[in-house]
């Protein structure tokens, strides 16, 4: 296994449509999947698509931790999942806007609209079919990674670029607001 270099926004590999994988069980695909999982873990990501590691193939990996799963009845943790040649379809008209980050756009975050519920399917390197319905954060992660296979980065989905920011600035602004609230509360006592 190896940790792969992650392509950053501006690299052409992130803007092209990824090619289908002819043989999901091929040794080079198994090695790619293994390296992607190691790379995602090293980068502390929750998902990674092959184009992000300079391989323009339709392969993605992801998981949803308990902390990120949400509280809805249809939201739960999702184990590490590998999807080769995935397909997604929206279920219903509901769209949620939520904050996203990306390993290919380090240090930034943006408010991105995504379908609330989707159905997705793909195959694993062992030839097993994975088909699930997803909602909330689970659906968001799958759509985000799938977009990488289509040559789409999350800022391209944003409807309000004033909601694109450096994580560090948002964190600082939140800390300043919290300190200001504490001072106001103290003065009121």
N, C-alpha and C. Protein backbone atom coordinates (compact mmCIF):
# COMPACT_ATOMS: atom_id res chain seq x y z
N UNK A 1 0.85 -1.19 0.00
CA UNK A 1 0.00 0.00 0.00
C UNK A 1 0.88 1.24 0.00
N UNK A 2 0.29 2.32 -0.52
CA UNK A 2 1.05 3.58 -0.60
C UNK A 2 0.11 4.75 -0.42
N UNK A 3 0.66 5.82 0.12
CA UNK A 3 -0.09 7.07 0.21
C UNK A 3 0.16 7.82 -1.09
N UNK A 4 -0.92 8.16 -1.78
CA UNK A 4 -0.84 8.81 -3.09
C UNK A 4 -0.92 10.32 -2.96
N UNK A 5 -0.40 11.02 -3.94
CA UNK A 5 -0.48 12.47 -3.98
C UNK A 5 -1.89 12.88 -4.39
N UNK A 6 -2.45 13.83 -3.67
CA UNK A 6 -3.80 14.30 -3.95
C UNK A 6 -3.74 15.51 -4.88
N UNK A 7 -4.46 15.42 -6.00
CA UNK A 7 -4.55 16.53 -6.95
C UNK A 7 -5.34 17.66 -6.31
N UNK A 8 -4.87 18.89 -6.54
CA UNK A 8 -5.56 20.06 -6.00
C UNK A 8 -6.28 20.82 -7.10
N UNK A 9 -7.28 21.60 -6.69
CA UNK A 9 -8.06 22.39 -7.63
C UNK A 9 -7.12 23.14 -8.57
N UNK A 10 -7.41 23.06 -9.85
CA UNK A 10 -6.57 23.66 -10.87
C UNK A 10 -5.88 22.61 -11.72
N UNK A 11 -5.71 21.39 -11.17
CA UNK A 11 -5.11 20.31 -11.95
C UNK A 11 -6.15 19.77 -12.93
N UNK A 12 -5.76 19.59 -14.20
CA UNK A 12 -6.72 19.15 -15.22
C UNK A 12 -7.37 17.79 -14.94
N UNK A 13 -6.73 16.89 -14.19
CA UNK A 13 -7.32 15.58 -13.93
C UNK A 13 -8.65 15.72 -13.19
N UNK A 14 -8.84 16.82 -12.45
CA UNK A 14 -10.07 17.02 -11.69
C UNK A 14 -11.22 17.55 -12.53
N UNK A 15 -10.94 17.93 -13.75
CA UNK A 15 -11.98 18.54 -14.59
C UNK A 15 -12.50 17.63 -15.69
N UNK A 16 -11.89 16.46 -15.86
CA UNK A 16 -12.33 15.53 -16.90
C UNK A 16 -13.28 14.48 -16.36
N UNK A 17 -14.05 13.90 -17.26
CA UNK A 17 -14.94 12.81 -16.89
C UNK A 17 -14.12 11.52 -16.81
N UNK A 18 -14.23 10.80 -15.69
CA UNK A 18 -13.46 9.58 -15.48
C UNK A 18 -14.00 8.44 -16.34
N UNK A 19 -13.11 7.57 -16.75
CA UNK A 19 -13.46 6.42 -17.60
C UNK A 19 -13.99 5.26 -16.76
N UNK A 20 -14.90 4.47 -17.34
CA UNK A 20 -15.38 3.28 -16.64
C UNK A 20 -14.24 2.27 -16.44
N UNK A 21 -14.37 1.47 -15.41
CA UNK A 21 -13.40 0.41 -15.11
C UNK A 21 -13.88 -0.86 -15.81
N UNK A 22 -13.06 -1.41 -16.69
CA UNK A 22 -13.44 -2.61 -17.45
C UNK A 22 -13.49 -3.86 -16.57
N UNK A 23 -12.51 -4.01 -15.67
CA UNK A 23 -12.43 -5.20 -14.83
C UNK A 23 -12.26 -4.77 -13.37
N UNK A 24 -13.37 -4.66 -12.62
CA UNK A 24 -13.27 -4.21 -11.23
C UNK A 24 -12.39 -5.08 -10.34
N UNK A 25 -12.18 -6.33 -10.70
CA UNK A 25 -11.38 -7.23 -9.89
C UNK A 25 -9.91 -7.29 -10.28
N UNK A 26 -9.51 -6.50 -11.27
CA UNK A 26 -8.12 -6.54 -11.74
C UNK A 26 -7.16 -6.17 -10.61
N UNK A 27 -5.98 -6.79 -10.59
CA UNK A 27 -5.01 -6.49 -9.52
C UNK A 27 -4.68 -5.01 -9.40
N UNK A 28 -4.58 -4.30 -10.54
CA UNK A 28 -4.24 -2.87 -10.45
C UNK A 28 -5.38 -2.05 -9.85
N UNK A 29 -6.63 -2.50 -10.01
CA UNK A 29 -7.77 -1.81 -9.40
C UNK A 29 -7.78 -2.09 -7.90
N UNK A 30 -7.53 -3.34 -7.52
CA UNK A 30 -7.45 -3.68 -6.10
C UNK A 30 -6.35 -2.87 -5.40
N UNK A 31 -5.21 -2.72 -6.07
CA UNK A 31 -4.09 -1.94 -5.51
C UNK A 31 -4.49 -0.47 -5.40
N UNK A 32 -5.14 0.06 -6.46
CA UNK A 32 -5.61 1.44 -6.43
C UNK A 32 -6.56 1.66 -5.25
N UNK A 33 -7.53 0.77 -5.07
CA UNK A 33 -8.50 0.90 -3.98
C UNK A 33 -7.78 0.89 -2.64
N UNK A 34 -6.87 -0.04 -2.46
CA UNK A 34 -6.11 -0.12 -1.22
C UNK A 34 -5.33 1.17 -0.95
N UNK A 35 -4.67 1.69 -1.99
CA UNK A 35 -3.91 2.94 -1.85
C UNK A 35 -4.83 4.13 -1.58
N UNK A 36 -6.01 4.14 -2.20
CA UNK A 36 -6.96 5.23 -1.96
C UNK A 36 -7.44 5.22 -0.52
N UNK A 37 -7.71 4.03 0.01
CA UNK A 37 -8.17 3.94 1.40
C UNK A 37 -7.08 4.44 2.35
N UNK A 38 -5.85 4.05 2.10
CA UNK A 38 -4.74 4.50 2.94
C UNK A 38 -4.55 6.02 2.81
N UNK A 39 -4.66 6.52 1.60
CA UNK A 39 -4.51 7.97 1.36
C UNK A 39 -5.61 8.75 2.06
N UNK A 40 -6.86 8.27 1.95
CA UNK A 40 -7.99 8.95 2.60
C UNK A 40 -7.79 8.98 4.10
N UNK A 41 -7.36 7.87 4.69
CA UNK A 41 -7.14 7.81 6.13
C UNK A 41 -6.02 8.76 6.54
N UNK A 42 -4.94 8.78 5.78
CA UNK A 42 -3.81 9.66 6.10
C UNK A 42 -4.22 11.13 6.05
N UNK A 43 -5.09 11.47 5.09
CA UNK A 43 -5.53 12.85 4.93
C UNK A 43 -6.71 13.20 5.83
N UNK A 44 -7.19 12.22 6.59
CA UNK A 44 -8.33 12.40 7.49
C UNK A 44 -9.59 12.82 6.75
N UNK A 45 -9.78 12.21 5.60
CA UNK A 45 -10.98 12.48 4.80
C UNK A 45 -12.06 11.45 5.09
N UNK A 46 -13.24 11.73 4.55
CA UNK A 46 -14.36 10.79 4.68
C UNK A 46 -14.72 10.19 3.34
N UNK A 47 -14.07 10.67 2.28
CA UNK A 47 -14.29 10.13 0.95
C UNK A 47 -13.16 10.53 0.03
N UNK A 48 -12.98 9.74 -1.04
CA UNK A 48 -11.93 10.02 -2.01
C UNK A 48 -12.31 9.36 -3.33
N UNK A 49 -12.13 10.09 -4.42
CA UNK A 49 -12.39 9.56 -5.75
C UNK A 49 -11.07 9.42 -6.50
N UNK A 50 -10.99 8.43 -7.38
CA UNK A 50 -9.74 8.14 -8.10
C UNK A 50 -9.15 9.35 -8.82
N UNK A 51 -9.94 10.21 -9.47
CA UNK A 51 -9.33 11.38 -10.11
C UNK A 51 -8.57 12.27 -9.12
N UNK A 52 -8.95 12.24 -7.85
CA UNK A 52 -8.24 13.05 -6.85
C UNK A 52 -6.83 12.55 -6.60
N UNK A 53 -6.55 11.30 -6.98
CA UNK A 53 -5.19 10.77 -6.84
C UNK A 53 -4.59 10.54 -8.23
N UNK A 54 -5.01 11.38 -9.18
CA UNK A 54 -4.45 11.42 -10.53
C UNK A 54 -4.74 10.19 -11.37
N UNK A 55 -5.83 9.47 -11.05
CA UNK A 55 -6.22 8.29 -11.82
C UNK A 55 -7.64 8.53 -12.34
N UNK A 56 -7.81 8.82 -13.63
CA UNK A 56 -9.13 9.17 -14.16
C UNK A 56 -10.03 7.95 -14.43
N UNK A 57 -10.32 7.20 -13.36
CA UNK A 57 -11.20 6.04 -13.44
C UNK A 57 -12.37 6.22 -12.48
N UNK A 58 -13.47 5.52 -12.75
CA UNK A 58 -14.69 5.64 -11.97
C UNK A 58 -14.64 4.74 -10.74
N UNK A 59 -13.85 5.19 -9.77
CA UNK A 59 -13.68 4.48 -8.50
C UNK A 59 -13.78 5.51 -7.38
N UNK A 60 -14.53 5.17 -6.33
CA UNK A 60 -14.57 6.03 -5.15
C UNK A 60 -14.66 5.19 -3.89
N UNK A 61 -14.18 5.78 -2.80
CA UNK A 61 -14.25 5.14 -1.49
C UNK A 61 -14.78 6.19 -0.50
N UNK A 62 -15.51 5.72 0.51
CA UNK A 62 -16.03 6.65 1.52
C UNK A 62 -16.50 5.86 2.74
N UNK A 63 -16.75 6.59 3.81
CA UNK A 63 -17.41 6.05 5.00
C UNK A 63 -18.10 7.23 5.68
N UNK A 64 -19.02 6.92 6.58
CA UNK A 64 -19.68 7.94 7.39
C UNK A 64 -19.53 7.52 8.85
N UNK A 65 -18.81 8.32 9.63
CA UNK A 65 -18.60 8.01 11.04
C UNK A 65 -19.87 8.28 11.85
N UNK A 66 -19.94 7.71 13.04
CA UNK A 66 -21.07 7.96 13.95
C UNK A 66 -21.27 9.45 14.18
N UNK A 67 -20.14 10.19 14.34
CA UNK A 67 -20.21 11.62 14.63
C UNK A 67 -20.81 12.41 13.47
N UNK A 68 -20.64 11.95 12.25
CA UNK A 68 -21.12 12.68 11.08
C UNK A 68 -22.48 12.18 10.58
N UNK A 69 -22.98 11.10 11.13
CA UNK A 69 -24.17 10.44 10.59
C UNK A 69 -25.44 11.26 10.72
N UNK A 70 -25.57 12.09 11.72
CA UNK A 70 -26.80 12.85 11.90
C UNK A 70 -27.77 12.12 12.80
N UNK A 71 -28.86 12.79 13.10
CA UNK A 71 -29.82 12.27 14.07
C UNK A 71 -31.10 11.74 13.45
N UNK A 72 -31.27 11.88 12.15
CA UNK A 72 -32.51 11.45 11.50
C UNK A 72 -32.68 9.94 11.54
N UNK A 73 -33.94 9.51 11.43
CA UNK A 73 -34.25 8.08 11.47
C UNK A 73 -33.58 7.34 10.31
N UNK A 74 -33.38 8.04 9.19
CA UNK A 74 -32.78 7.38 8.02
C UNK A 74 -31.29 7.70 7.87
N UNK A 75 -30.67 8.19 8.96
CA UNK A 75 -29.25 8.51 8.91
C UNK A 75 -28.51 7.66 9.94
N UNK A 76 -27.45 7.02 9.51
CA UNK A 76 -26.65 6.16 10.39
C UNK A 76 -25.22 6.12 9.87
N UNK A 77 -24.33 5.62 10.70
CA UNK A 77 -22.95 5.43 10.26
C UNK A 77 -22.93 4.45 9.09
N UNK A 78 -21.95 4.62 8.22
CA UNK A 78 -21.81 3.74 7.06
C UNK A 78 -20.37 3.24 7.05
N UNK A 79 -20.19 1.92 6.97
CA UNK A 79 -18.83 1.40 6.96
C UNK A 79 -18.09 1.78 5.69
N UNK A 80 -16.79 1.60 5.71
CA UNK A 80 -15.98 1.85 4.52
C UNK A 80 -16.61 1.15 3.32
N UNK A 81 -16.84 1.93 2.28
CA UNK A 81 -17.51 1.42 1.09
C UNK A 81 -16.67 1.75 -0.13
N UNK A 82 -16.53 0.78 -1.03
CA UNK A 82 -15.85 0.96 -2.30
C UNK A 82 -16.90 0.84 -3.39
N UNK A 83 -16.94 1.84 -4.28
CA UNK A 83 -17.87 1.79 -5.41
C UNK A 83 -17.07 1.94 -6.70
N UNK A 84 -17.21 0.98 -7.58
CA UNK A 84 -16.60 1.04 -8.91
C UNK A 84 -17.73 1.17 -9.92
N UNK A 85 -17.55 2.08 -10.86
CA UNK A 85 -18.58 2.40 -11.86
C UNK A 85 -19.92 2.73 -11.21
N UNK A 86 -19.91 3.65 -10.23
CA UNK A 86 -21.16 3.95 -9.52
C UNK A 86 -22.15 4.74 -10.39
N UNK A 87 -23.40 4.64 -9.97
CA UNK A 87 -24.49 5.42 -10.55
C UNK A 87 -25.28 5.98 -9.37
N UNK A 88 -25.84 7.19 -9.53
CA UNK A 88 -26.70 7.74 -8.49
C UNK A 88 -27.96 8.29 -9.13
N UNK A 89 -29.03 8.31 -8.35
CA UNK A 89 -30.27 8.93 -8.80
C UNK A 89 -30.93 9.61 -7.61
N UNK A 90 -31.46 10.82 -7.82
CA UNK A 90 -32.15 11.50 -6.71
C UNK A 90 -33.47 10.81 -6.42
N UNK A 91 -33.87 10.85 -5.16
CA UNK A 91 -35.16 10.32 -4.74
C UNK A 91 -35.96 11.49 -4.17
N UNK A 92 -36.86 12.01 -4.93
CA UNK A 92 -37.65 13.16 -4.50
C UNK A 92 -37.01 14.46 -4.95
N UNK A 93 -37.67 15.54 -4.55
CA UNK A 93 -37.24 16.87 -4.98
C UNK A 93 -36.46 17.64 -3.91
N UNK A 94 -36.44 17.14 -2.67
CA UNK A 94 -35.83 17.88 -1.56
C UNK A 94 -34.33 18.07 -1.76
N UNK A 95 -33.90 19.30 -1.53
CA UNK A 95 -32.49 19.67 -1.62
C UNK A 95 -32.09 20.34 -0.31
N UNK A 96 -30.93 19.97 0.21
CA UNK A 96 -30.38 20.59 1.41
C UNK A 96 -29.11 21.32 1.03
N UNK A 97 -28.87 22.46 1.67
CA UNK A 97 -27.60 23.15 1.50
C UNK A 97 -26.79 22.93 2.77
N UNK A 98 -25.56 22.45 2.59
CA UNK A 98 -24.70 22.16 3.73
C UNK A 98 -23.25 22.48 3.41
N UNK A 99 -22.46 22.63 4.46
CA UNK A 99 -21.04 22.96 4.32
C UNK A 99 -20.26 21.73 3.93
N UNK A 100 -19.37 21.89 2.95
CA UNK A 100 -18.51 20.81 2.48
C UNK A 100 -17.08 21.28 2.40
N UNK A 101 -16.18 20.35 2.62
CA UNK A 101 -14.77 20.56 2.37
C UNK A 101 -14.33 19.53 1.35
N UNK A 102 -13.09 19.61 0.93
CA UNK A 102 -12.59 18.68 -0.09
C UNK A 102 -11.08 18.56 0.04
N UNK A 103 -10.59 17.34 -0.04
CA UNK A 103 -9.14 17.13 0.04
C UNK A 103 -8.41 17.78 -1.11
N UNK A 104 -9.11 18.05 -2.21
CA UNK A 104 -8.51 18.71 -3.37
C UNK A 104 -8.58 20.23 -3.28
N UNK A 105 -9.28 20.74 -2.28
CA UNK A 105 -9.38 22.18 -2.05
C UNK A 105 -9.09 22.41 -0.56
N UNK A 106 -7.84 22.16 -0.16
CA UNK A 106 -7.52 22.19 1.27
C UNK A 106 -7.72 23.56 1.91
N UNK A 107 -8.23 23.51 3.15
CA UNK A 107 -8.37 24.74 3.93
C UNK A 107 -9.60 25.56 3.61
N UNK A 108 -10.43 25.10 2.69
CA UNK A 108 -11.62 25.87 2.32
C UNK A 108 -12.89 25.05 2.57
N UNK A 109 -14.00 25.75 2.64
CA UNK A 109 -15.31 25.12 2.79
C UNK A 109 -16.34 25.98 2.08
N UNK A 110 -17.43 25.35 1.67
CA UNK A 110 -18.48 26.09 0.99
C UNK A 110 -19.83 25.47 1.24
N UNK A 111 -20.88 26.28 1.13
CA UNK A 111 -22.26 25.83 1.30
C UNK A 111 -22.76 25.34 -0.06
N UNK A 112 -23.06 24.05 -0.13
CA UNK A 112 -23.38 23.40 -1.41
C UNK A 112 -24.77 22.75 -1.34
N UNK A 113 -25.62 23.03 -2.33
CA UNK A 113 -26.91 22.34 -2.39
C UNK A 113 -26.75 20.92 -2.94
N UNK A 114 -27.39 19.98 -2.31
CA UNK A 114 -27.36 18.56 -2.74
C UNK A 114 -28.74 17.95 -2.53
N UNK A 115 -29.03 16.90 -3.32
CA UNK A 115 -30.27 16.15 -3.10
C UNK A 115 -30.23 15.59 -1.68
N UNK A 116 -31.37 15.66 -0.99
CA UNK A 116 -31.43 15.12 0.37
C UNK A 116 -31.38 13.59 0.37
N UNK A 117 -32.09 12.97 -0.57
CA UNK A 117 -32.14 11.49 -0.64
C UNK A 117 -31.71 11.04 -2.03
N UNK A 118 -30.92 9.99 -2.05
CA UNK A 118 -30.49 9.40 -3.31
C UNK A 118 -30.50 7.88 -3.20
N UNK A 119 -30.44 7.24 -4.35
CA UNK A 119 -30.17 5.80 -4.44
C UNK A 119 -28.87 5.70 -5.22
N UNK A 120 -27.96 4.86 -4.77
CA UNK A 120 -26.74 4.65 -5.52
C UNK A 120 -26.44 3.17 -5.65
N UNK A 121 -25.66 2.85 -6.68
CA UNK A 121 -25.25 1.48 -6.88
C UNK A 121 -23.88 1.46 -7.55
N UNK A 122 -23.17 0.39 -7.32
CA UNK A 122 -21.87 0.19 -7.93
C UNK A 122 -21.41 -1.22 -7.59
N UNK A 123 -20.20 -1.56 -7.99
CA UNK A 123 -19.66 -2.87 -7.67
C UNK A 123 -18.38 -2.72 -6.86
N UNK A 124 -18.02 -3.78 -6.16
CA UNK A 124 -16.79 -3.81 -5.40
C UNK A 124 -15.72 -4.55 -6.21
N UNK A 125 -14.47 -4.50 -5.76
CA UNK A 125 -13.44 -5.28 -6.46
C UNK A 125 -13.71 -6.79 -6.43
N UNK A 126 -14.55 -7.25 -5.50
CA UNK A 126 -14.91 -8.67 -5.43
C UNK A 126 -16.10 -9.01 -6.33
N UNK A 127 -16.60 -8.02 -7.07
CA UNK A 127 -17.72 -8.25 -7.98
C UNK A 127 -19.08 -8.18 -7.32
N UNK A 128 -19.13 -7.83 -6.04
CA UNK A 128 -20.42 -7.72 -5.35
C UNK A 128 -21.09 -6.41 -5.73
N UNK A 129 -22.40 -6.43 -5.89
CA UNK A 129 -23.15 -5.22 -6.17
C UNK A 129 -23.52 -4.55 -4.85
N UNK A 130 -23.28 -3.25 -4.77
CA UNK A 130 -23.70 -2.46 -3.62
C UNK A 130 -24.82 -1.56 -4.12
N UNK A 131 -25.97 -1.64 -3.46
CA UNK A 131 -27.08 -0.75 -3.80
C UNK A 131 -27.72 -0.30 -2.51
N UNK A 132 -27.77 1.03 -2.32
CA UNK A 132 -28.31 1.59 -1.09
C UNK A 132 -29.08 2.86 -1.38
N UNK A 133 -29.96 3.18 -0.44
CA UNK A 133 -30.57 4.50 -0.40
C UNK A 133 -29.85 5.27 0.70
N UNK A 134 -29.69 6.56 0.48
CA UNK A 134 -28.96 7.38 1.45
C UNK A 134 -29.67 8.72 1.62
N UNK A 135 -29.51 9.29 2.81
CA UNK A 135 -30.06 10.62 3.10
C UNK A 135 -29.04 11.41 3.89
N UNK A 136 -29.25 12.72 3.95
CA UNK A 136 -28.42 13.58 4.78
C UNK A 136 -26.96 13.55 4.40
N UNK A 137 -26.08 13.46 5.41
CA UNK A 137 -24.63 13.50 5.18
C UNK A 137 -24.17 12.34 4.31
N UNK A 138 -24.73 11.17 4.51
CA UNK A 138 -24.39 10.00 3.69
C UNK A 138 -24.63 10.32 2.21
N UNK A 139 -25.80 10.86 1.90
CA UNK A 139 -26.12 11.22 0.52
C UNK A 139 -25.17 12.31 0.00
N UNK A 140 -24.84 13.26 0.86
CA UNK A 140 -23.95 14.36 0.48
C UNK A 140 -22.56 13.83 0.11
N UNK A 141 -22.01 12.92 0.92
CA UNK A 141 -20.67 12.38 0.65
C UNK A 141 -20.66 11.65 -0.69
N UNK A 142 -21.65 10.80 -0.92
CA UNK A 142 -21.69 10.04 -2.17
C UNK A 142 -21.80 10.99 -3.37
N UNK A 143 -22.66 12.01 -3.27
CA UNK A 143 -22.80 12.96 -4.38
C UNK A 143 -21.51 13.74 -4.62
N UNK A 144 -20.84 14.13 -3.53
CA UNK A 144 -19.59 14.88 -3.65
C UNK A 144 -18.54 14.04 -4.38
N UNK A 145 -18.36 12.79 -3.96
CA UNK A 145 -17.35 11.93 -4.59
C UNK A 145 -17.74 11.59 -6.02
N UNK A 146 -19.02 11.34 -6.25
CA UNK A 146 -19.50 11.06 -7.61
C UNK A 146 -19.20 12.25 -8.53
N UNK A 147 -19.39 13.45 -8.03
CA UNK A 147 -19.09 14.64 -8.83
C UNK A 147 -17.64 14.63 -9.32
N UNK A 148 -16.71 14.15 -8.49
CA UNK A 148 -15.31 14.07 -8.93
C UNK A 148 -15.18 13.18 -10.17
N UNK A 149 -16.01 12.16 -10.28
CA UNK A 149 -15.96 11.28 -11.45
C UNK A 149 -16.50 11.97 -12.70
N UNK A 150 -17.27 13.01 -12.49
CA UNK A 150 -17.86 13.78 -13.58
C UNK A 150 -17.06 15.05 -13.90
N UNK A 151 -15.97 15.28 -13.17
CA UNK A 151 -15.15 16.47 -13.40
C UNK A 151 -15.72 17.72 -12.75
N UNK A 152 -16.47 17.54 -11.67
CA UNK A 152 -17.12 18.66 -10.98
C UNK A 152 -16.56 18.80 -9.58
N UNK A 153 -16.13 20.01 -9.22
CA UNK A 153 -15.69 20.33 -7.86
C UNK A 153 -16.81 21.09 -7.17
N UNK A 154 -16.88 20.98 -5.84
CA UNK A 154 -18.03 21.54 -5.13
C UNK A 154 -18.28 23.03 -5.39
N UNK A 155 -17.25 23.89 -5.59
CA UNK A 155 -17.58 25.29 -5.87
C UNK A 155 -18.41 25.46 -7.15
N UNK A 156 -18.29 24.50 -8.07
CA UNK A 156 -19.07 24.56 -9.31
C UNK A 156 -20.55 24.31 -9.06
N UNK A 157 -20.90 23.72 -7.92
CA UNK A 157 -22.29 23.46 -7.53
C UNK A 157 -22.87 24.58 -6.68
N UNK A 158 -22.03 25.44 -6.16
CA UNK A 158 -22.51 26.47 -5.24
C UNK A 158 -23.36 27.51 -5.96
N UNK A 159 -24.39 27.97 -5.27
CA UNK A 159 -25.26 29.00 -5.84
C UNK A 159 -24.96 30.38 -5.27
N UNK A 160 -24.15 30.43 -4.21
CA UNK A 160 -23.79 31.70 -3.57
C UNK A 160 -22.32 31.66 -3.17
N UNK A 161 -21.47 32.23 -3.99
CA UNK A 161 -20.03 32.17 -3.72
C UNK A 161 -19.61 33.00 -2.51
N UNK A 162 -20.52 33.81 -1.94
CA UNK A 162 -20.19 34.48 -0.68
C UNK A 162 -20.12 33.46 0.46
N UNK A 163 -20.60 32.24 0.20
CA UNK A 163 -20.56 31.16 1.18
C UNK A 163 -19.37 30.22 0.95
N UNK A 164 -18.35 30.71 0.25
CA UNK A 164 -17.09 29.99 0.07
C UNK A 164 -16.05 30.69 0.94
N UNK A 165 -15.40 29.94 1.83
CA UNK A 165 -14.51 30.59 2.79
C UNK A 165 -13.37 29.67 3.21
N UNK A 166 -12.35 30.29 3.78
CA UNK A 166 -11.29 29.53 4.42
C UNK A 166 -11.81 29.05 5.77
N UNK A 167 -11.60 27.79 6.08
CA UNK A 167 -12.04 27.21 7.34
C UNK A 167 -11.45 28.00 8.51
N UNK A 168 -10.19 28.38 8.41
CA UNK A 168 -9.53 29.14 9.47
C UNK A 168 -10.26 30.45 9.77
N UNK A 169 -10.71 31.14 8.74
CA UNK A 169 -11.43 32.41 8.94
C UNK A 169 -12.78 32.18 9.60
N UNK A 170 -13.51 31.15 9.17
CA UNK A 170 -14.80 30.86 9.79
C UNK A 170 -14.63 30.47 11.25
N UNK A 171 -13.60 29.69 11.54
CA UNK A 171 -13.32 29.28 12.92
C UNK A 171 -13.00 30.49 13.78
N UNK A 172 -12.17 31.38 13.24
CA UNK A 172 -11.81 32.60 13.97
C UNK A 172 -13.05 33.48 14.20
N UNK A 173 -13.87 33.64 13.18
CA UNK A 173 -15.07 34.46 13.31
C UNK A 173 -16.02 33.87 14.36
N UNK A 174 -16.15 32.54 14.38
CA UNK A 174 -17.03 31.89 15.36
C UNK A 174 -16.48 32.08 16.77
N UNK A 175 -15.16 31.96 16.93
CA UNK A 175 -14.54 32.16 18.25
C UNK A 175 -14.71 33.60 18.71
N UNK A 176 -14.55 34.56 17.80
CA UNK A 176 -14.74 35.98 18.14
C UNK A 176 -16.18 36.24 18.57
N UNK A 177 -17.13 35.67 17.83
CA UNK A 177 -18.54 35.85 18.16
C UNK A 177 -18.86 35.24 19.52
N UNK A 178 -18.29 34.08 19.79
CA UNK A 178 -18.51 33.42 21.07
C UNK A 178 -17.94 34.26 22.22
N UNK A 179 -16.76 34.81 22.02
CA UNK A 179 -16.13 35.66 23.06
C UNK A 179 -16.97 36.92 23.28
N UNK A 180 -17.48 37.49 22.20
CA UNK A 180 -18.32 38.69 22.30
C UNK A 180 -19.61 38.38 23.05
N UNK A 181 -20.21 37.23 22.78
CA UNK A 181 -21.42 36.82 23.49
C UNK A 181 -21.15 36.64 24.97
N UNK A 182 -20.01 36.03 25.29
CA UNK A 182 -19.64 35.82 26.70
C UNK A 182 -19.45 37.15 27.42
N UNK A 183 -18.82 38.12 26.76
CA UNK A 183 -18.62 39.45 27.35
C UNK A 183 -19.95 40.14 27.59
N UNK A 184 -20.86 40.04 26.63
CA UNK A 184 -22.18 40.65 26.74
C UNK A 184 -22.96 40.02 27.90
N UNK A 185 -22.86 38.70 28.01
CA UNK A 185 -23.53 37.97 29.08
C UNK A 185 -22.98 38.39 30.45
N UNK A 186 -21.65 38.52 30.53
CA UNK A 186 -20.98 38.92 31.76
C UNK A 186 -21.41 40.33 32.17
N UNK A 187 -21.49 41.23 31.22
CA UNK A 187 -21.86 42.64 31.50
C UNK A 187 -23.31 42.71 31.97
N UNK A 188 -24.15 41.78 31.51
CA UNK A 188 -25.57 41.80 31.88
C UNK A 188 -25.78 41.28 33.30
N UNK A 189 -24.84 40.56 33.85
CA UNK A 189 -25.01 39.97 35.18
C UNK A 189 -24.78 40.93 36.27
